[in-house]
Amino acid sequence: MKLITKLQDIEKLLINKNYKKALKNCIIVLKEEPNNIHALNFSGLSLQGLNEIKESVKYFKKALLEDQNYIPVLNNLAMSYKSLEEIDSARKNYKKIISLNENYIPALNNLALLEYNYSNHNDAFEIFNKLINLNKKDERSLFYLGKIKSEQGNFKEPYSYFKKILALNPKNIVAHKSLAGITTYRENNQDSLKHLRDMEELIKDENLDKQ
C-alpha cells in the first residue's frame, strides 16, 4: 500500500474517532519513515483522542523538528498545552501561528477562547472582533463580543451583538437567553415585546430540544 493511501486511511480513522487503530497504523508508518511529519502529527492527534495528552506533546514536538513552522502541528500542540493547563506555552504557539498566517481562523478562535477563559477579556474582545471582520456571520464570535461587553457592565453594545446573531439565526437559543438577560420587557417598548413574542413562538417549535 502506498504511503499516501496509508495516511489517508489514518485520517479517516481519526475522523471516525477510532483512535486506537489510528495510532496502531501510525506506528506501522513510522517504522518505515520515522520522521514522517504527517504520521507524527496523526500520532499526536490519536493520543489526544485517547486522553494521553503528555504523550501527544512528544509526537508534536518531534514533528516540528521536521518543519518548525508547520501550522497544523503548532495548532495541535497548542491544544495539548491548553489541556495540560500550560497556558503560556499554548498562547506562545497560537501567536506563532498567527505571525505565520494572521488570518488562520482555528488559531484565532482558540486564542480568543483561551484569553476569555483566563479573564483577559480585552485581548479576547480584540481577537473575536478580528474574527468578525473575517466572517460577518460568525455567530460564536458575535456571542462572545456581546458576552464580554455585558460582563463589563455595558448593556447597550451586547444588545446589538445578540440582535445580529438572531438576524442570522432566529433559532439561536443562547442568543435569545442572553438578550432576555439584558432586556426589560415593558408595554411601551415595542422592541422588547416583539422579542417576547418571538420567544413564545419558538416554544411551539417541536424540533427544539428541552433546553
N, C-alpha and C. Protein backbone atom coordinates (compact mmCIF):
# COMPACT_ATOMS: atom_id res chain seq x y z
N MET A 1 0.84 -1.20 0.00
CA MET A 1 0.00 0.00 0.00
C MET A 1 0.88 1.25 0.00
N LYS A 2 0.55 2.21 -0.85
CA LYS A 2 1.34 3.43 -0.92
C LYS A 2 1.19 4.23 0.37
N LEU A 3 2.26 5.00 0.67
CA LEU A 3 2.28 5.79 1.90
C LEU A 3 1.10 6.75 1.96
N ILE A 4 0.82 7.43 0.87
CA ILE A 4 -0.26 8.41 0.87
C ILE A 4 -1.61 7.77 1.19
N THR A 5 -1.80 6.53 0.71
CA THR A 5 -3.04 5.81 0.99
C THR A 5 -3.12 5.45 2.47
N LYS A 6 -1.99 5.03 3.04
CA LYS A 6 -1.96 4.70 4.46
C LYS A 6 -2.32 5.92 5.32
N LEU A 7 -1.76 7.06 4.93
CA LEU A 7 -2.04 8.29 5.68
C LEU A 7 -3.50 8.71 5.54
N GLN A 8 -4.05 8.52 4.35
CA GLN A 8 -5.47 8.83 4.14
C GLN A 8 -6.36 7.94 4.99
N ASP A 9 -5.98 6.67 5.10
CA ASP A 9 -6.73 5.72 5.92
C ASP A 9 -6.69 6.12 7.40
N ILE A 10 -5.51 6.57 7.84
CA ILE A 10 -5.37 7.01 9.23
C ILE A 10 -6.24 8.24 9.49
N GLU A 11 -6.25 9.15 8.54
CA GLU A 11 -7.07 10.36 8.68
C GLU A 11 -8.55 10.01 8.81
N LYS A 12 -9.00 9.03 8.04
CA LYS A 12 -10.40 8.58 8.13
C LYS A 12 -10.69 7.98 9.50
N LEU A 13 -9.74 7.22 10.02
CA LEU A 13 -9.91 6.63 11.35
C LEU A 13 -10.03 7.72 12.41
N LEU A 14 -9.24 8.77 12.26
CA LEU A 14 -9.31 9.88 13.21
C LEU A 14 -10.65 10.58 13.12
N ILE A 15 -11.15 10.79 11.92
CA ILE A 15 -12.45 11.43 11.73
C ILE A 15 -13.54 10.62 12.40
N ASN A 16 -13.40 9.28 12.32
CA ASN A 16 -14.38 8.38 12.92
C ASN A 16 -14.10 8.08 14.40
N LYS A 17 -13.10 8.76 14.95
CA LYS A 17 -12.74 8.64 16.37
C LYS A 17 -12.27 7.24 16.76
N ASN A 18 -11.72 6.53 15.78
CA ASN A 18 -11.14 5.21 16.06
C ASN A 18 -9.65 5.42 16.38
N TYR A 19 -9.41 5.99 17.55
CA TYR A 19 -8.07 6.47 17.89
C TYR A 19 -7.05 5.34 18.10
N LYS A 20 -7.49 4.24 18.68
CA LYS A 20 -6.56 3.12 18.92
C LYS A 20 -6.02 2.55 17.62
N LYS A 21 -6.92 2.32 16.67
CA LYS A 21 -6.48 1.77 15.38
C LYS A 21 -5.65 2.79 14.61
N ALA A 22 -6.03 4.06 14.72
CA ALA A 22 -5.26 5.12 14.05
C ALA A 22 -3.83 5.14 14.57
N LEU A 23 -3.69 5.06 15.89
CA LEU A 23 -2.34 5.07 16.49
C LEU A 23 -1.56 3.84 16.06
N LYS A 24 -2.20 2.70 16.04
CA LYS A 24 -1.55 1.46 15.61
C LYS A 24 -1.02 1.59 14.19
N ASN A 25 -1.84 2.17 13.31
CA ASN A 25 -1.42 2.35 11.92
C ASN A 25 -0.32 3.40 11.78
N CYS A 26 -0.36 4.40 12.65
CA CYS A 26 0.71 5.41 12.65
C CYS A 26 2.06 4.77 12.98
N ILE A 27 2.05 3.89 13.96
CA ILE A 27 3.28 3.22 14.39
C ILE A 27 3.86 2.40 13.24
N ILE A 28 2.99 1.76 12.46
CA ILE A 28 3.45 0.98 11.29
C ILE A 28 4.14 1.90 10.30
N VAL A 29 3.54 3.06 10.02
CA VAL A 29 4.12 4.02 9.08
C VAL A 29 5.45 4.54 9.60
N LEU A 30 5.50 4.84 10.89
CA LEU A 30 6.71 5.41 11.49
C LEU A 30 7.87 4.41 11.54
N LYS A 31 7.56 3.14 11.52
CA LYS A 31 8.63 2.13 11.43
C LYS A 31 9.33 2.22 10.08
N GLU A 32 8.54 2.57 9.05
CA GLU A 32 9.10 2.73 7.71
C GLU A 32 9.74 4.10 7.53
N GLU A 33 9.07 5.13 8.06
CA GLU A 33 9.55 6.51 7.93
C GLU A 33 9.44 7.21 9.28
N PRO A 34 10.45 7.06 10.12
CA PRO A 34 10.40 7.58 11.50
C PRO A 34 10.17 9.08 11.60
N ASN A 35 10.52 9.82 10.55
CA ASN A 35 10.41 11.27 10.62
C ASN A 35 9.29 11.83 9.75
N ASN A 36 8.34 10.97 9.38
CA ASN A 36 7.24 11.45 8.55
C ASN A 36 6.36 12.40 9.37
N ILE A 37 6.32 13.65 8.94
CA ILE A 37 5.64 14.69 9.73
C ILE A 37 4.15 14.43 9.87
N HIS A 38 3.54 13.86 8.84
CA HIS A 38 2.10 13.61 8.88
C HIS A 38 1.77 12.47 9.84
N ALA A 39 2.56 11.42 9.80
CA ALA A 39 2.35 10.29 10.71
C ALA A 39 2.60 10.71 12.16
N LEU A 40 3.60 11.57 12.36
CA LEU A 40 3.87 12.08 13.71
C LEU A 40 2.71 12.93 14.21
N ASN A 41 2.20 13.77 13.32
CA ASN A 41 1.05 14.62 13.67
C ASN A 41 -0.17 13.77 13.98
N PHE A 42 -0.45 12.77 13.14
CA PHE A 42 -1.60 11.89 13.37
C PHE A 42 -1.44 11.08 14.65
N SER A 43 -0.19 10.72 14.98
CA SER A 43 0.06 10.01 16.24
C SER A 43 -0.33 10.89 17.42
N GLY A 44 0.08 12.16 17.36
CA GLY A 44 -0.28 13.10 18.42
C GLY A 44 -1.78 13.27 18.54
N LEU A 45 -2.47 13.37 17.40
CA LEU A 45 -3.92 13.51 17.42
C LEU A 45 -4.60 12.26 17.98
N SER A 46 -4.07 11.10 17.64
CA SER A 46 -4.60 9.84 18.18
C SER A 46 -4.47 9.81 19.70
N LEU A 47 -3.33 10.23 20.17
CA LEU A 47 -3.08 10.24 21.62
C LEU A 47 -3.96 11.28 22.32
N GLN A 48 -4.20 12.41 21.66
CA GLN A 48 -5.15 13.37 22.22
C GLN A 48 -6.51 12.71 22.40
N GLY A 49 -6.94 11.99 21.36
CA GLY A 49 -8.23 11.32 21.41
C GLY A 49 -8.31 10.28 22.50
N LEU A 50 -7.16 9.68 22.82
CA LEU A 50 -7.10 8.67 23.88
C LEU A 50 -6.82 9.29 25.25
N ASN A 51 -6.80 10.63 25.28
CA ASN A 51 -6.54 11.39 26.51
C ASN A 51 -5.14 11.14 27.07
N GLU A 52 -4.22 10.80 26.17
CA GLU A 52 -2.81 10.67 26.56
C GLU A 52 -2.11 11.96 26.14
N ILE A 53 -2.44 13.03 26.82
CA ILE A 53 -2.05 14.37 26.36
C ILE A 53 -0.53 14.60 26.44
N LYS A 54 0.06 14.20 27.55
CA LYS A 54 1.51 14.40 27.69
C LYS A 54 2.28 13.66 26.61
N GLU A 55 1.82 12.45 26.29
CA GLU A 55 2.48 11.66 25.25
C GLU A 55 2.29 12.32 23.88
N SER A 56 1.14 12.94 23.66
CA SER A 56 0.89 13.59 22.37
C SER A 56 1.88 14.73 22.13
N VAL A 57 2.26 15.42 23.20
CA VAL A 57 3.20 16.55 23.08
C VAL A 57 4.52 16.08 22.47
N LYS A 58 4.97 14.88 22.88
CA LYS A 58 6.25 14.35 22.37
C LYS A 58 6.22 14.19 20.85
N TYR A 59 5.10 13.69 20.34
CA TYR A 59 4.99 13.47 18.90
C TYR A 59 4.89 14.79 18.14
N PHE A 60 4.13 15.74 18.68
CA PHE A 60 4.03 17.03 18.00
C PHE A 60 5.39 17.74 17.97
N LYS A 61 6.13 17.64 19.07
CA LYS A 61 7.46 18.27 19.11
C LYS A 61 8.40 17.61 18.12
N LYS A 62 8.32 16.31 18.01
CA LYS A 62 9.17 15.60 17.04
C LYS A 62 8.80 16.00 15.61
N ALA A 63 7.50 16.19 15.36
CA ALA A 63 7.06 16.62 14.03
C ALA A 63 7.61 18.00 13.71
N LEU A 64 7.66 18.88 14.71
CA LEU A 64 8.15 20.24 14.48
C LEU A 64 9.66 20.28 14.20
N LEU A 65 10.36 19.21 14.57
CA LEU A 65 11.78 19.12 14.22
C LEU A 65 11.95 19.01 12.71
N GLU A 66 10.90 18.48 12.04
CA GLU A 66 10.93 18.36 10.58
C GLU A 66 10.55 19.68 9.90
N ASP A 67 9.67 20.41 10.54
CA ASP A 67 9.26 21.72 10.00
C ASP A 67 8.69 22.54 11.16
N GLN A 68 9.49 23.46 11.67
CA GLN A 68 9.10 24.22 12.87
C GLN A 68 7.95 25.19 12.63
N ASN A 69 7.62 25.42 11.34
CA ASN A 69 6.55 26.37 11.02
C ASN A 69 5.32 25.67 10.43
N TYR A 70 5.19 24.37 10.67
CA TYR A 70 4.05 23.63 10.11
C TYR A 70 2.83 23.91 10.97
N ILE A 71 1.93 24.72 10.45
CA ILE A 71 0.83 25.28 11.23
C ILE A 71 -0.09 24.24 11.86
N PRO A 72 -0.53 23.19 11.15
CA PRO A 72 -1.41 22.21 11.80
C PRO A 72 -0.81 21.59 13.06
N VAL A 73 0.49 21.31 13.02
CA VAL A 73 1.15 20.72 14.20
C VAL A 73 1.24 21.74 15.32
N LEU A 74 1.60 22.98 14.99
CA LEU A 74 1.67 24.03 16.00
C LEU A 74 0.32 24.20 16.70
N ASN A 75 -0.75 24.15 15.92
CA ASN A 75 -2.09 24.31 16.49
C ASN A 75 -2.46 23.12 17.39
N ASN A 76 -2.12 21.91 16.94
CA ASN A 76 -2.42 20.72 17.73
C ASN A 76 -1.61 20.68 19.02
N LEU A 77 -0.35 21.12 18.92
CA LEU A 77 0.49 21.18 20.12
C LEU A 77 -0.07 22.19 21.11
N ALA A 78 -0.53 23.31 20.61
CA ALA A 78 -1.12 24.32 21.49
C ALA A 78 -2.35 23.77 22.21
N MET A 79 -3.14 22.97 21.49
CA MET A 79 -4.32 22.37 22.11
C MET A 79 -3.92 21.42 23.25
N SER A 80 -2.84 20.68 23.03
CA SER A 80 -2.36 19.79 24.10
C SER A 80 -1.87 20.59 25.30
N TYR A 81 -1.13 21.66 25.03
CA TYR A 81 -0.67 22.52 26.13
C TYR A 81 -1.86 23.09 26.91
N LYS A 82 -2.89 23.49 26.15
CA LYS A 82 -4.08 24.05 26.80
C LYS A 82 -4.74 23.01 27.71
N SER A 83 -4.82 21.77 27.23
CA SER A 83 -5.41 20.68 28.03
C SER A 83 -4.60 20.43 29.30
N LEU A 84 -3.29 20.62 29.19
CA LEU A 84 -2.41 20.42 30.35
C LEU A 84 -2.33 21.66 31.24
N GLU A 85 -3.09 22.70 30.84
CA GLU A 85 -3.11 23.99 31.53
C GLU A 85 -1.73 24.65 31.55
N GLU A 86 -0.95 24.38 30.51
CA GLU A 86 0.31 25.09 30.31
C GLU A 86 0.00 26.27 29.38
N ILE A 87 -0.64 27.27 29.98
CA ILE A 87 -1.27 28.34 29.21
C ILE A 87 -0.27 29.21 28.46
N ASP A 88 0.86 29.51 29.09
CA ASP A 88 1.86 30.34 28.42
C ASP A 88 2.38 29.65 27.16
N SER A 89 2.59 28.34 27.24
CA SER A 89 3.07 27.59 26.08
C SER A 89 2.01 27.55 24.98
N ALA A 90 0.76 27.35 25.38
CA ALA A 90 -0.34 27.34 24.40
C ALA A 90 -0.44 28.69 23.71
N ARG A 91 -0.42 29.76 24.49
CA ARG A 91 -0.52 31.11 23.94
C ARG A 91 0.64 31.40 22.98
N LYS A 92 1.83 30.97 23.36
CA LYS A 92 3.02 31.19 22.52
C LYS A 92 2.85 30.52 21.16
N ASN A 93 2.31 29.30 21.15
CA ASN A 93 2.12 28.58 19.90
C ASN A 93 1.05 29.24 19.03
N TYR A 94 -0.07 29.64 19.64
CA TYR A 94 -1.12 30.31 18.87
C TYR A 94 -0.59 31.60 18.24
N LYS A 95 0.18 32.35 19.02
CA LYS A 95 0.70 33.61 18.50
C LYS A 95 1.72 33.38 17.38
N LYS A 96 2.48 32.30 17.49
CA LYS A 96 3.42 31.98 16.41
C LYS A 96 2.65 31.66 15.12
N ILE A 97 1.56 30.90 15.25
CA ILE A 97 0.75 30.57 14.08
C ILE A 97 0.23 31.84 13.43
N ILE A 98 -0.28 32.75 14.25
CA ILE A 98 -0.86 33.99 13.73
C ILE A 98 0.22 34.86 13.10
N SER A 99 1.45 34.77 13.60
CA SER A 99 2.55 35.52 12.98
C SER A 99 2.88 34.95 11.60
N LEU A 100 2.63 33.64 11.44
CA LEU A 100 2.87 33.00 10.14
C LEU A 100 1.71 33.21 9.18
N ASN A 101 0.49 33.23 9.74
CA ASN A 101 -0.72 33.43 8.93
C ASN A 101 -1.73 34.18 9.80
N GLU A 102 -1.80 35.48 9.64
CA GLU A 102 -2.62 36.31 10.54
C GLU A 102 -4.11 36.02 10.44
N ASN A 103 -4.53 35.34 9.38
CA ASN A 103 -5.95 35.04 9.20
C ASN A 103 -6.28 33.56 9.40
N TYR A 104 -5.42 32.84 10.10
CA TYR A 104 -5.66 31.41 10.34
C TYR A 104 -6.73 31.28 11.42
N ILE A 105 -7.95 31.01 11.00
CA ILE A 105 -9.12 31.07 11.88
C ILE A 105 -9.05 30.09 13.06
N PRO A 106 -8.63 28.81 12.88
CA PRO A 106 -8.58 27.91 14.05
C PRO A 106 -7.73 28.47 15.20
N ALA A 107 -6.56 29.03 14.87
CA ALA A 107 -5.70 29.57 15.93
C ALA A 107 -6.30 30.83 16.55
N LEU A 108 -6.90 31.68 15.73
CA LEU A 108 -7.56 32.88 16.25
C LEU A 108 -8.69 32.50 17.19
N ASN A 109 -9.50 31.52 16.78
CA ASN A 109 -10.60 31.04 17.63
C ASN A 109 -10.07 30.50 18.96
N ASN A 110 -9.05 29.66 18.87
CA ASN A 110 -8.51 29.02 20.07
C ASN A 110 -7.88 30.03 21.01
N LEU A 111 -7.15 30.99 20.45
CA LEU A 111 -6.51 32.01 21.28
C LEU A 111 -7.56 32.92 21.93
N ALA A 112 -8.58 33.27 21.17
CA ALA A 112 -9.65 34.13 21.72
C ALA A 112 -10.33 33.45 22.90
N LEU A 113 -10.64 32.16 22.75
CA LEU A 113 -11.30 31.42 23.84
C LEU A 113 -10.36 31.26 25.04
N LEU A 114 -9.09 31.03 24.76
CA LEU A 114 -8.11 30.91 25.84
C LEU A 114 -8.06 32.21 26.65
N GLU A 115 -7.96 33.35 25.95
CA GLU A 115 -7.87 34.63 26.65
C GLU A 115 -9.16 34.91 27.43
N TYR A 116 -10.30 34.56 26.83
CA TYR A 116 -11.57 34.78 27.53
C TYR A 116 -11.64 33.92 28.80
N ASN A 117 -11.30 32.64 28.67
CA ASN A 117 -11.40 31.73 29.81
C ASN A 117 -10.45 32.08 30.94
N TYR A 118 -9.38 32.81 30.61
CA TYR A 118 -8.44 33.23 31.65
C TYR A 118 -8.56 34.72 31.95
N SER A 119 -9.77 35.25 31.67
CA SER A 119 -10.18 36.60 32.08
C SER A 119 -9.38 37.73 31.46
N ASN A 120 -8.73 37.45 30.32
CA ASN A 120 -8.07 38.52 29.57
C ASN A 120 -9.06 39.04 28.53
N HIS A 121 -10.12 39.68 29.04
CA HIS A 121 -11.27 40.00 28.20
C HIS A 121 -10.98 41.02 27.11
N ASN A 122 -10.11 41.97 27.39
CA ASN A 122 -9.79 42.96 26.36
C ASN A 122 -9.07 42.31 25.18
N ASP A 123 -8.13 41.42 25.49
CA ASP A 123 -7.42 40.70 24.43
C ASP A 123 -8.38 39.81 23.66
N ALA A 124 -9.26 39.12 24.40
CA ALA A 124 -10.22 38.24 23.76
C ALA A 124 -11.15 39.03 22.85
N PHE A 125 -11.61 40.18 23.31
CA PHE A 125 -12.52 41.02 22.52
C PHE A 125 -11.87 41.43 21.20
N GLU A 126 -10.62 41.80 21.27
CA GLU A 126 -9.89 42.23 20.07
C GLU A 126 -9.81 41.09 19.04
N ILE A 127 -9.55 39.88 19.52
CA ILE A 127 -9.42 38.74 18.60
C ILE A 127 -10.78 38.34 18.03
N PHE A 128 -11.81 38.30 18.88
CA PHE A 128 -13.15 37.97 18.38
C PHE A 128 -13.60 39.00 17.34
N ASN A 129 -13.23 40.25 17.57
CA ASN A 129 -13.57 41.32 16.62
C ASN A 129 -12.88 41.08 15.28
N LYS A 130 -11.66 40.61 15.33
CA LYS A 130 -10.94 40.29 14.09
C LYS A 130 -11.63 39.14 13.36
N LEU A 131 -12.10 38.16 14.12
CA LEU A 131 -12.81 37.03 13.52
C LEU A 131 -14.09 37.49 12.81
N ILE A 132 -14.77 38.47 13.40
CA ILE A 132 -15.97 39.02 12.76
C ILE A 132 -15.61 39.74 11.47
N ASN A 133 -14.47 40.40 11.46
CA ASN A 133 -14.04 41.07 10.23
C ASN A 133 -13.73 40.06 9.12
N LEU A 134 -13.32 38.86 9.53
CA LEU A 134 -13.05 37.81 8.55
C LEU A 134 -14.33 37.09 8.12
N ASN A 135 -15.32 37.06 9.03
CA ASN A 135 -16.59 36.39 8.72
C ASN A 135 -17.72 37.07 9.48
N LYS A 136 -18.47 37.90 8.79
CA LYS A 136 -19.54 38.68 9.41
C LYS A 136 -20.65 37.80 10.00
N LYS A 137 -20.71 36.53 9.57
CA LYS A 137 -21.77 35.63 10.02
C LYS A 137 -21.32 34.67 11.11
N ASP A 138 -20.20 34.99 11.75
CA ASP A 138 -19.65 34.12 12.80
C ASP A 138 -20.46 34.33 14.09
N GLU A 139 -21.45 33.47 14.30
CA GLU A 139 -22.35 33.61 15.45
C GLU A 139 -21.62 33.50 16.78
N ARG A 140 -20.67 32.58 16.87
CA ARG A 140 -19.97 32.39 18.14
C ARG A 140 -19.17 33.63 18.53
N SER A 141 -18.47 34.22 17.56
CA SER A 141 -17.69 35.42 17.88
C SER A 141 -18.60 36.58 18.26
N LEU A 142 -19.73 36.72 17.57
CA LEU A 142 -20.69 37.76 17.93
C LEU A 142 -21.19 37.54 19.36
N PHE A 143 -21.45 36.28 19.70
CA PHE A 143 -21.92 35.97 21.05
C PHE A 143 -20.90 36.39 22.10
N TYR A 144 -19.63 36.04 21.89
CA TYR A 144 -18.61 36.37 22.89
C TYR A 144 -18.36 37.88 22.96
N LEU A 145 -18.48 38.57 21.83
CA LEU A 145 -18.34 40.03 21.87
C LEU A 145 -19.43 40.62 22.76
N GLY A 146 -20.65 40.12 22.60
CA GLY A 146 -21.74 40.59 23.45
C GLY A 146 -21.56 40.18 24.90
N LYS A 147 -21.12 38.96 25.11
CA LYS A 147 -20.93 38.43 26.48
C LYS A 147 -19.86 39.23 27.22
N ILE A 148 -18.76 39.52 26.54
CA ILE A 148 -17.68 40.29 27.18
C ILE A 148 -18.17 41.67 27.59
N LYS A 149 -18.88 42.34 26.67
CA LYS A 149 -19.37 43.68 26.97
C LYS A 149 -20.38 43.67 28.13
N SER A 150 -21.26 42.66 28.14
CA SER A 150 -22.25 42.60 29.22
C SER A 150 -21.58 42.32 30.56
N GLU A 151 -20.52 41.50 30.56
CA GLU A 151 -19.79 41.20 31.79
C GLU A 151 -19.01 42.42 32.29
N GLN A 152 -18.73 43.35 31.37
CA GLN A 152 -18.06 44.59 31.75
C GLN A 152 -19.06 45.67 32.17
N GLY A 153 -20.36 45.30 32.19
CA GLY A 153 -21.38 46.24 32.63
C GLY A 153 -21.93 47.13 31.55
N ASN A 154 -21.58 46.84 30.30
CA ASN A 154 -22.09 47.63 29.17
C ASN A 154 -23.22 46.83 28.52
N PHE A 155 -24.45 47.33 28.61
CA PHE A 155 -25.59 46.56 28.11
C PHE A 155 -26.12 47.05 26.77
N LYS A 156 -25.63 48.20 26.31
CA LYS A 156 -26.10 48.73 25.02
C LYS A 156 -25.46 47.96 23.86
N GLU A 157 -24.14 47.79 23.92
CA GLU A 157 -23.43 47.08 22.84
C GLU A 157 -23.82 45.60 22.75
N PRO A 158 -23.91 44.89 23.88
CA PRO A 158 -24.30 43.48 23.79
C PRO A 158 -25.63 43.30 23.08
N TYR A 159 -26.56 44.22 23.32
CA TYR A 159 -27.88 44.14 22.69
C TYR A 159 -27.74 44.04 21.17
N SER A 160 -26.88 44.88 20.61
CA SER A 160 -26.72 44.89 19.15
C SER A 160 -26.07 43.60 18.66
N TYR A 161 -25.13 43.05 19.43
CA TYR A 161 -24.47 41.80 19.03
C TYR A 161 -25.46 40.63 19.03
N PHE A 162 -26.26 40.54 20.09
CA PHE A 162 -27.22 39.43 20.17
C PHE A 162 -28.29 39.56 19.09
N LYS A 163 -28.68 40.79 18.79
CA LYS A 163 -29.67 41.01 17.73
C LYS A 163 -29.11 40.60 16.37
N LYS A 164 -27.83 40.84 16.16
CA LYS A 164 -27.18 40.43 14.90
C LYS A 164 -27.21 38.90 14.76
N ILE A 165 -26.95 38.22 15.87
CA ILE A 165 -26.99 36.75 15.84
C ILE A 165 -28.38 36.27 15.43
N LEU A 166 -29.41 36.86 16.04
CA LEU A 166 -30.78 36.42 15.78
C LEU A 166 -31.23 36.78 14.37
N ALA A 167 -30.64 37.82 13.80
CA ALA A 167 -30.93 38.15 12.40
C ALA A 167 -30.35 37.06 11.49
N LEU A 168 -29.22 36.50 11.89
CA LEU A 168 -28.60 35.41 11.13
C LEU A 168 -29.29 34.08 11.39
N ASN A 169 -29.66 33.86 12.65
CA ASN A 169 -30.24 32.58 13.06
C ASN A 169 -31.31 32.80 14.12
N PRO A 170 -32.56 32.95 13.72
CA PRO A 170 -33.65 33.23 14.67
C PRO A 170 -33.86 32.14 15.72
N LYS A 171 -33.27 30.98 15.52
CA LYS A 171 -33.44 29.88 16.48
C LYS A 171 -32.22 29.69 17.38
N ASN A 172 -31.34 30.67 17.42
CA ASN A 172 -30.18 30.58 18.30
C ASN A 172 -30.65 30.85 19.73
N ILE A 173 -30.89 29.77 20.46
CA ILE A 173 -31.49 29.88 21.79
C ILE A 173 -30.57 30.58 22.79
N VAL A 174 -29.27 30.36 22.66
CA VAL A 174 -28.32 31.00 23.57
C VAL A 174 -28.37 32.51 23.40
N ALA A 175 -28.50 32.98 22.17
CA ALA A 175 -28.60 34.41 21.92
C ALA A 175 -29.90 34.97 22.49
N HIS A 176 -31.00 34.21 22.34
CA HIS A 176 -32.28 34.64 22.92
C HIS A 176 -32.16 34.78 24.44
N LYS A 177 -31.55 33.78 25.05
CA LYS A 177 -31.40 33.80 26.51
C LYS A 177 -30.54 35.00 26.95
N SER A 178 -29.46 35.23 26.22
CA SER A 178 -28.56 36.34 26.57
C SER A 178 -29.26 37.68 26.38
N LEU A 179 -30.01 37.79 25.31
CA LEU A 179 -30.74 39.03 25.05
C LEU A 179 -31.81 39.25 26.13
N ALA A 180 -32.48 38.17 26.52
CA ALA A 180 -33.50 38.28 27.57
C ALA A 180 -32.90 38.75 28.89
N GLY A 181 -31.64 38.36 29.13
CA GLY A 181 -30.98 38.72 30.38
C GLY A 181 -30.66 40.20 30.50
N ILE A 182 -30.65 40.92 29.38
CA ILE A 182 -30.33 42.36 29.43
C ILE A 182 -31.49 43.21 28.93
N THR A 183 -32.67 42.59 28.78
CA THR A 183 -33.84 43.32 28.27
C THR A 183 -34.87 43.49 29.38
N THR A 184 -35.40 44.71 29.49
CA THR A 184 -36.52 44.97 30.38
C THR A 184 -37.78 45.02 29.52
N TYR A 185 -38.71 44.12 29.79
CA TYR A 185 -39.91 43.99 28.95
C TYR A 185 -41.00 44.94 29.48
N ARG A 186 -41.36 45.91 28.63
CA ARG A 186 -42.35 46.91 29.02
C ARG A 186 -43.42 47.05 27.95
N GLU A 187 -44.59 47.45 28.37
CA GLU A 187 -45.71 47.64 27.44
C GLU A 187 -45.40 48.70 26.39
N ASN A 188 -44.65 49.72 26.80
CA ASN A 188 -44.35 50.82 25.86
C ASN A 188 -43.07 50.61 25.07
N ASN A 189 -42.48 49.43 25.20
CA ASN A 189 -41.25 49.12 24.45
C ASN A 189 -41.57 48.03 23.44
N GLN A 190 -41.88 48.46 22.21
CA GLN A 190 -42.32 47.51 21.19
C GLN A 190 -41.24 46.49 20.82
N ASP A 191 -39.98 46.92 20.86
CA ASP A 191 -38.88 46.01 20.51
C ASP A 191 -38.80 44.87 21.51
N SER A 192 -38.96 45.21 22.79
CA SER A 192 -38.89 44.17 23.82
C SER A 192 -40.09 43.22 23.70
N LEU A 193 -41.25 43.77 23.39
CA LEU A 193 -42.44 42.93 23.25
C LEU A 193 -42.34 42.01 22.04
N LYS A 194 -41.72 42.52 20.97
CA LYS A 194 -41.51 41.67 19.79
C LYS A 194 -40.61 40.49 20.13
N HIS A 195 -39.56 40.76 20.92
CA HIS A 195 -38.66 39.67 21.31
C HIS A 195 -39.41 38.64 22.16
N LEU A 196 -40.27 39.12 23.04
CA LEU A 196 -41.07 38.22 23.86
C LEU A 196 -41.97 37.34 22.98
N ARG A 197 -42.59 37.94 21.97
CA ARG A 197 -43.45 37.18 21.06
C ARG A 197 -42.63 36.16 20.26
N ASP A 198 -41.42 36.58 19.86
CA ASP A 198 -40.55 35.65 19.12
C ASP A 198 -40.22 34.42 19.95
N MET A 199 -39.94 34.64 21.24
CA MET A 199 -39.61 33.51 22.11
C MET A 199 -40.85 32.64 22.35
N GLU A 200 -42.01 33.26 22.47
CA GLU A 200 -43.24 32.49 22.67
C GLU A 200 -43.54 31.61 21.45
N GLU A 201 -43.22 32.12 20.27
CA GLU A 201 -43.40 31.33 19.05
C GLU A 201 -42.41 30.17 18.99
N LEU A 202 -41.21 30.42 19.45
CA LEU A 202 -40.18 29.37 19.44
C LEU A 202 -40.56 28.20 20.34
N ILE A 203 -41.24 28.49 21.44
CA ILE A 203 -41.65 27.43 22.36
C ILE A 203 -42.50 26.39 21.63
N LYS A 204 -43.21 26.83 20.61
CA LYS A 204 -44.10 25.94 19.87
C LYS A 204 -43.35 25.04 18.89
N ASP A 205 -42.08 25.35 18.68
CA ASP A 205 -41.28 24.59 17.72
C ASP A 205 -40.92 23.23 18.32
N GLU A 206 -41.47 22.17 17.78
CA GLU A 206 -41.26 20.83 18.34
C GLU A 206 -39.87 20.28 18.05
N ASN A 207 -39.13 20.96 17.18
CA ASN A 207 -37.78 20.48 16.84
C ASN A 207 -36.72 20.97 17.84
N LEU A 208 -37.10 21.87 18.72
CA LEU A 208 -36.14 22.36 19.71
C LEU A 208 -35.96 21.32 20.81
N ASP A 209 -34.74 21.26 21.36
CA ASP A 209 -34.53 20.32 22.46
C ASP A 209 -35.08 20.93 23.77
N LYS A 210 -35.04 20.14 24.84
CA LYS A 210 -35.65 20.59 26.09
C LYS A 210 -35.00 21.86 26.63
N GLN A 211 -33.71 21.98 26.44
CA GLN A 211 -33.01 23.15 26.95
C GLN A 211 -33.56 24.41 26.30
